[in-house]
Amino acid sequence: LPLLEVASGLIFSLPVAIAVNSIGIMF
């Protein structure tokens, strides 16, 4: 899971990355 969370941080702005990771965690 940390690999995906870090990858989102690298790819997106912080608000978008947190939103994407939140949706991902729900999945």
PDB file of all heavy atoms in Angstrom:
ATOM      1  N   LEU A   1       0.819  -1.215   0.000  1.00  0.00           N
ATOM      2  CA  LEU A   1       0.000   0.000   0.000  1.00  0.00           C
ATOM      3  C   LEU A   1       0.856   1.270   0.000  1.00  0.00           C
ATOM      4  O   LEU A   1       0.560   2.211  -0.746  1.00  0.00           O
ATOM      5  CB  LEU A   1      -0.949  -0.009   1.203  1.00  0.00           C
ATOM      6  CG  LEU A   1      -1.954   1.144   1.291  1.00  0.00           C
ATOM      7  CD1 LEU A   1      -2.927   1.101   0.124  1.00  0.00           C
ATOM      8  CD2 LEU A   1      -2.715   1.073   2.616  1.00  0.00           C
ATOM      9  N   PRO A   2       1.933   1.342   0.809  1.00  0.00           N
ATOM     10  CA  PRO A   2       2.761   2.567   0.814  1.00  0.00           C
ATOM     11  C   PRO A   2       3.325   2.917  -0.559  1.00  0.00           C
ATOM     12  O   PRO A   2       3.501   4.101  -0.874  1.00  0.00           O
ATOM     13  CB  PRO A   2       3.892   2.227   1.790  1.00  0.00           C
ATOM     14  CG  PRO A   2       3.304   1.215   2.713  1.00  0.00           C
ATOM     15  CD  PRO A   2       2.396   0.398   1.843  1.00  0.00           C
ATOM     16  N   LEU A   3       3.599   1.899  -1.389  1.00  0.00           N
ATOM     17  CA  LEU A   3       4.137   2.151  -2.730  1.00  0.00           C
ATOM     18  C   LEU A   3       3.155   2.965  -3.565  1.00  0.00           C
ATOM     19  O   LEU A   3       3.542   3.918  -4.252  1.00  0.00           O
ATOM     20  CB  LEU A   3       4.435   0.818  -3.420  1.00  0.00           C
ATOM     21  CG  LEU A   3       5.149   0.890  -4.777  1.00  0.00           C
ATOM     22  CD1 LEU A   3       6.562   1.402  -4.604  1.00  0.00           C
ATOM     23  CD2 LEU A   3       5.163  -0.479  -5.438  1.00  0.00           C
ATOM     24  N   LEU A   4       1.872   2.624  -3.481  1.00  0.00           N
ATOM     25  CA  LEU A   4       0.850   3.353  -4.239  1.00  0.00           C
ATOM     26  C   LEU A   4       0.640   4.753  -3.670  1.00  0.00           C
ATOM     27  O   LEU A   4       0.441   5.710  -4.421  1.00  0.00           O
ATOM     28  CB  LEU A   4      -0.467   2.576  -4.213  1.00  0.00           C
ATOM     29  CG  LEU A   4      -0.457   1.212  -4.920  1.00  0.00           C
ATOM     30  CD1 LEU A   4      -1.787   0.492  -4.717  1.00  0.00           C
ATOM     31  CD2 LEU A   4      -0.163   1.372  -6.401  1.00  0.00           C
ATOM     32  N   GLU A   5       0.693   4.877  -2.357  1.00  0.00           N
ATOM     33  CA  GLU A   5       0.494   6.180  -1.719  1.00  0.00           C
ATOM     34  C   GLU A   5       1.630   7.140  -2.070  1.00  0.00           C
ATOM     35  O   GLU A   5       1.389   8.316  -2.367  1.00  0.00           O
ATOM     36  CB  GLU A   5       0.393   5.993  -0.202  1.00  0.00           C
ATOM     37  CG  GLU A   5      -0.865   5.246   0.215  1.00  0.00           C
ATOM     38  CD  GLU A   5      -0.861   4.788   1.647  1.00  0.00           C
ATOM     39  OE1 GLU A   5       0.236   4.674   2.250  1.00  0.00           O
ATOM     40  OE2 GLU A   5      -1.944   4.517   2.193  1.00  0.00           O
ATOM     41  N   VAL A   6       2.852   6.631  -2.057  1.00  0.00           N
ATOM     42  CA  VAL A   6       4.010   7.451  -2.433  1.00  0.00           C
ATOM     43  C   VAL A   6       3.957   7.820  -3.911  1.00  0.00           C
ATOM     44  O   VAL A   6       4.243   8.962  -4.295  1.00  0.00           O
ATOM     45  CB  VAL A   6       5.331   6.710  -2.104  1.00  0.00           C
ATOM     46  CG1 VAL A   6       6.532   7.448  -2.697  1.00  0.00           C
ATOM     47  CG2 VAL A   6       5.507   6.571  -0.590  1.00  0.00           C
ATOM     48  N   ALA A   7       3.565   6.852  -4.747  1.00  0.00           N
ATOM     49  CA  ALA A   7       3.465   7.105  -6.192  1.00  0.00           C
ATOM     50  C   ALA A   7       2.464   8.215  -6.494  1.00  0.00           C
ATOM     51  O   ALA A   7       2.724   9.091  -7.326  1.00  0.00           O
ATOM     52  CB  ALA A   7       3.055   5.827  -6.921  1.00  0.00           C
ATOM     53  N   SER A   8       1.332   8.224  -5.806  1.00  0.00           N
ATOM     54  CA  SER A   8       0.344   9.293  -6.003  1.00  0.00           C
ATOM     55  C   SER A   8       0.922  10.642  -5.612  1.00  0.00           C
ATOM     56  O   SER A   8       0.672  11.656  -6.267  1.00  0.00           O
ATOM     57  CB  SER A   8      -0.919   9.010  -5.162  1.00  0.00           C
ATOM     58  OG  SER A   8      -1.665   7.953  -5.713  1.00  0.00           O
ATOM     59  N   GLY A   9       1.695  10.654  -4.525  1.00  0.00           N
ATOM     60  CA  GLY A   9       2.347  11.889  -4.106  1.00  0.00           C
ATOM     61  C   GLY A   9       3.315  12.417  -5.138  1.00  0.00           C
ATOM     62  O   GLY A   9       3.468  13.633  -5.316  1.00  0.00           O
ATOM     63  N   LEU A  10       3.968  11.511  -5.837  1.00  0.00           N
ATOM     64  CA  LEU A  10       4.909  11.896  -6.897  1.00  0.00           C
ATOM     65  C   LEU A  10       4.195  12.436  -8.130  1.00  0.00           C
ATOM     66  O   LEU A  10       4.682  13.354  -8.793  1.00  0.00           O
ATOM     67  CB  LEU A  10       5.747  10.679  -7.300  1.00  0.00           C
ATOM     68  CG  LEU A  10       7.108  10.491  -6.635  1.00  0.00           C
ATOM     69  CD1 LEU A  10       7.633   9.100  -6.905  1.00  0.00           C
ATOM     70  CD2 LEU A  10       8.091  11.535  -7.131  1.00  0.00           C
ATOM     71  N   ILE A  11       3.049  11.851  -8.445  1.00  0.00           N
ATOM     72  CA  ILE A  11       2.365  12.163  -9.703  1.00  0.00           C
ATOM     73  C   ILE A  11       1.482  13.405  -9.613  1.00  0.00           C
ATOM     74  O   ILE A  11       1.465  14.232 -10.532  1.00  0.00           O
ATOM     75  CB  ILE A  11       1.509  10.955 -10.149  1.00  0.00           C
ATOM     76  CG1 ILE A  11       2.408   9.752 -10.445  1.00  0.00           C
ATOM     77  CG2 ILE A  11       0.667  11.298 -11.374  1.00  0.00           C
ATOM     78  CD1 ILE A  11       1.653   8.442 -10.586  1.00  0.00           C
ATOM     79  N   PHE A  12       0.746  13.550  -8.501  1.00  0.00           N
ATOM     80  CA  PHE A  12      -0.287  14.583  -8.406  1.00  0.00           C
ATOM     81  C   PHE A  12       0.087  15.690  -7.418  1.00  0.00           C
ATOM     82  O   PHE A  12       1.017  15.552  -6.634  1.00  0.00           O
ATOM     83  CB  PHE A  12      -1.614  13.960  -7.945  1.00  0.00           C
ATOM     84  CG  PHE A  12      -2.062  12.782  -8.753  1.00  0.00           C
ATOM     85  CD1 PHE A  12      -1.995  11.503  -8.237  1.00  0.00           C
ATOM     86  CD2 PHE A  12      -2.551  12.948 -10.040  1.00  0.00           C
ATOM     87  CE1 PHE A  12      -2.414  10.409  -8.973  1.00  0.00           C
ATOM     88  CE2 PHE A  12      -2.972  11.861 -10.794  1.00  0.00           C
ATOM     89  CZ  PHE A  12      -2.897  10.587 -10.255  1.00  0.00           C
ATOM     90  N   SER A  13      -0.691  16.783  -7.486  1.00  0.00           N
ATOM     91  CA  SER A  13      -0.604  17.795  -6.438  1.00  0.00           C
ATOM     92  C   SER A  13      -1.108  17.172  -5.140  1.00  0.00           C
ATOM     93  O   SER A  13      -1.823  16.160  -5.166  1.00  0.00           O
ATOM     94  CB  SER A  13      -1.465  19.014  -6.796  1.00  0.00           C
ATOM     95  OG  SER A  13      -2.837  18.646  -6.826  1.00  0.00           O
ATOM     96  N   LEU A  14      -0.765  17.758  -4.000  1.00  0.00           N
ATOM     97  CA  LEU A  14      -1.097  17.147  -2.709  1.00  0.00           C
ATOM     98  C   LEU A  14      -2.599  16.905  -2.523  1.00  0.00           C
ATOM     99  O   LEU A  14      -2.993  15.792  -2.148  1.00  0.00           O
ATOM    100  CB  LEU A  14      -0.541  17.993  -1.560  1.00  0.00           C
ATOM    101  CG  LEU A  14      -0.683  17.390  -0.154  1.00  0.00           C
ATOM    102  CD1 LEU A  14       0.007  16.033  -0.067  1.00  0.00           C
ATOM    103  CD2 LEU A  14      -0.114  18.347   0.894  1.00  0.00           C
ATOM    104  N   PRO A  15      -3.476  17.888  -2.792  1.00  0.00           N
ATOM    105  CA  PRO A  15      -4.915  17.628  -2.606  1.00  0.00           C
ATOM    106  C   PRO A  15      -5.442  16.500  -3.492  1.00  0.00           C
ATOM    107  O   PRO A  15      -6.232  15.663  -3.049  1.00  0.00           O
ATOM    108  CB  PRO A  15      -5.572  18.962  -2.968  1.00  0.00           C
ATOM    109  CG  PRO A  15      -4.500  19.981  -2.795  1.00  0.00           C
ATOM    110  CD  PRO A  15      -3.232  19.294  -3.182  1.00  0.00           C
ATOM    111  N   VAL A  16      -4.994  16.482  -4.762  1.00  0.00           N
ATOM    112  CA  VAL A  16      -5.447  15.440  -5.686  1.00  0.00           C
ATOM    113  C   VAL A  16      -4.902  14.078  -5.254  1.00  0.00           C
ATOM    114  O   VAL A  16      -5.624  13.065  -5.275  1.00  0.00           O
ATOM    115  CB  VAL A  16      -5.003  15.756  -7.136  1.00  0.00           C
ATOM    116  CG1 VAL A  16      -5.337  14.588  -8.068  1.00  0.00           C
ATOM    117  CG2 VAL A  16      -5.663  17.029  -7.631  1.00  0.00           C
ATOM    118  N   ALA A  17      -3.637  14.053  -4.834  1.00  0.00           N
ATOM    119  CA  ALA A  17      -3.016  12.794  -4.399  1.00  0.00           C
ATOM    120  C   ALA A  17      -3.739  12.211  -3.187  1.00  0.00           C
ATOM    121  O   ALA A  17      -3.989  10.999  -3.119  1.00  0.00           O
ATOM    122  CB  ALA A  17      -1.546  13.027  -4.069  1.00  0.00           C
ATOM    123  N   ILE A  18      -4.098  13.060  -2.228  1.00  0.00           N
ATOM    124  CA  ILE A  18      -4.817  12.592  -1.037  1.00  0.00           C
ATOM    125  C   ILE A  18      -6.199  12.066  -1.431  1.00  0.00           C
ATOM    126  O   ILE A  18      -6.655  11.037  -0.918  1.00  0.00           O
ATOM    127  CB  ILE A  18      -4.924  13.715   0.014  1.00  0.00           C
ATOM    128  CG1 ILE A  18      -3.539  13.978   0.624  1.00  0.00           C
ATOM    129  CG2 ILE A  18      -5.926  13.345   1.115  1.00  0.00           C
ATOM    130  CD1 ILE A  18      -3.492  15.163   1.573  1.00  0.00           C
ATOM    131  N   ALA A  19      -6.857  12.769  -2.360  1.00  0.00           N
ATOM    132  CA  ALA A  19      -8.179  12.321  -2.828  1.00  0.00           C
ATOM    133  C   ALA A  19      -8.082  10.965  -3.532  1.00  0.00           C
ATOM    134  O   ALA A  19      -8.894  10.056  -3.269  1.00  0.00           O
ATOM    135  CB  ALA A  19      -8.781  13.364  -3.766  1.00  0.00           C
ATOM    136  N   VAL A  20      -7.093  10.814  -4.419  1.00  0.00           N
ATOM    137  CA  VAL A  20      -6.907   9.552  -5.150  1.00  0.00           C
ATOM    138  C   VAL A  20      -6.583   8.420  -4.185  1.00  0.00           C
ATOM    139  O   VAL A  20      -7.155   7.325  -4.268  1.00  0.00           O
ATOM    140  CB  VAL A  20      -5.786   9.690  -6.207  1.00  0.00           C
ATOM    141  CG1 VAL A  20      -5.406   8.317  -6.786  1.00  0.00           C
ATOM    142  CG2 VAL A  20      -6.223  10.615  -7.331  1.00  0.00           C
ATOM    143  N   ASN A  21      -5.682   8.676  -3.241  1.00  0.00           N
ATOM    144  CA  ASN A  21      -5.319   7.650  -2.267  1.00  0.00           C
ATOM    145  C   ASN A  21      -6.492   7.284  -1.352  1.00  0.00           C
ATOM    146  O   ASN A  21      -6.643   6.125  -0.955  1.00  0.00           O
ATOM    147  CB  ASN A  21      -4.129   8.117  -1.425  1.00  0.00           C
ATOM    148  CG  ASN A  21      -2.815   8.001  -2.165  1.00  0.00           C
ATOM    149  OD1 ASN A  21      -2.686   7.213  -3.100  1.00  0.00           O
ATOM    150  ND2 ASN A  21      -1.825   8.782  -1.777  1.00  0.00           N
ATOM    151  N   SER A  22      -7.316   8.267  -1.029  1.00  0.00           N
ATOM    152  CA  SER A  22      -8.497   7.995  -0.198  1.00  0.00           C
ATOM    153  C   SER A  22      -9.468   7.069  -0.920  1.00  0.00           C
ATOM    154  O   SER A  22      -9.989   6.108  -0.331  1.00  0.00           O
ATOM    155  CB  SER A  22      -9.209   9.306   0.172  1.00  0.00           C
ATOM    156  OG  SER A  22      -8.384  10.126   0.979  1.00  0.00           O
ATOM    157  N   ILE A  23      -9.704   7.349  -2.207  1.00  0.00           N
ATOM    158  CA  ILE A  23     -10.574   6.483  -3.009  1.00  0.00           C
ATOM    159  C   ILE A  23      -9.966   5.087  -3.121  1.00  0.00           C
ATOM    160  O   ILE A  23     -10.662   4.065  -2.992  1.00  0.00           O
ATOM    161  CB  ILE A  23     -10.801   7.081  -4.410  1.00  0.00           C
ATOM    162  CG1 ILE A  23     -11.593   8.392  -4.307  1.00  0.00           C
ATOM    163  CG2 ILE A  23     -11.532   6.090  -5.318  1.00  0.00           C
ATOM    164  CD1 ILE A  23     -11.632   9.194  -5.602  1.00  0.00           C
ATOM    165  N   GLY A  24      -8.655   5.045  -3.329  1.00  0.00           N
ATOM    166  CA  GLY A  24      -7.957   3.758  -3.442  1.00  0.00           C
ATOM    167  C   GLY A  24      -8.068   2.927  -2.174  1.00  0.00           C
ATOM    168  O   GLY A  24      -8.301   1.715  -2.229  1.00  0.00           O
ATOM    169  N   ILE A  25      -7.918   3.568  -1.022  1.00  0.00           N
ATOM    170  CA  ILE A  25      -8.034   2.858   0.259  1.00  0.00           C
ATOM    171  C   ILE A  25      -9.443   2.301   0.431  1.00  0.00           C
ATOM    172  O   ILE A  25      -9.628   1.182   0.930  1.00  0.00           O
ATOM    173  CB  ILE A  25      -7.657   3.791   1.423  1.00  0.00           C
ATOM    174  CG1 ILE A  25      -6.137   4.002   1.449  1.00  0.00           C
ATOM    175  CG2 ILE A  25      -8.121   3.224   2.769  1.00  0.00           C
ATOM    176  CD1 ILE A  25      -5.665   5.048   2.432  1.00  0.00           C
ATOM    177  N   MET A  26     -10.445   3.083   0.009  1.00  0.00           N
ATOM    178  CA  MET A  26     -11.822   2.596   0.090  1.00  0.00           C
ATOM    179  C   MET A  26     -11.995   1.330  -0.757  1.00  0.00           C
ATOM    180  O   MET A  26     -12.687   0.390  -0.340  1.00  0.00           O
ATOM    181  CB  MET A  26     -12.795   3.679  -0.367  1.00  0.00           C
ATOM    182  CG  MET A  26     -12.873   4.875   0.562  1.00  0.00           C
ATOM    183  SD  MET A  26     -13.386   4.442   2.238  1.00  0.00           S
ATOM    184  CE  MET A  26     -15.081   3.977   1.947  1.00  0.00           C
ATOM    185  N   PHE A  27     -11.362   1.286  -1.926  1.00  0.00           N
ATOM    186  CA  PHE A  27     -11.389   0.091  -2.763  1.00  0.00           C
ATOM    187  C   PHE A  27     -10.755  -1.087  -2.028  1.00  0.00           C
ATOM    188  O   PHE A  27     -11.273  -2.208  -2.088  1.00  0.00           O
ATOM    189  CB  PHE A  27     -10.636   0.328  -4.075  1.00  0.00           C
ATOM    190  CG  PHE A  27     -11.501   0.825  -5.198  1.00  0.00           C
ATOM    191  CD1 PHE A  27     -12.053   2.089  -5.157  1.00  0.00           C
ATOM    192  CD2 PHE A  27     -11.765   0.034  -6.298  1.00  0.00           C
ATOM    193  CE1 PHE A  27     -12.861   2.554  -6.186  1.00  0.00           C
ATOM    194  CE2 PHE A  27     -12.564   0.486  -7.336  1.00  0.00           C
ATOM    195  CZ  PHE A  27     -13.114   1.751  -7.274  1.00  0.00           C
TER     196      PHE A  27
END
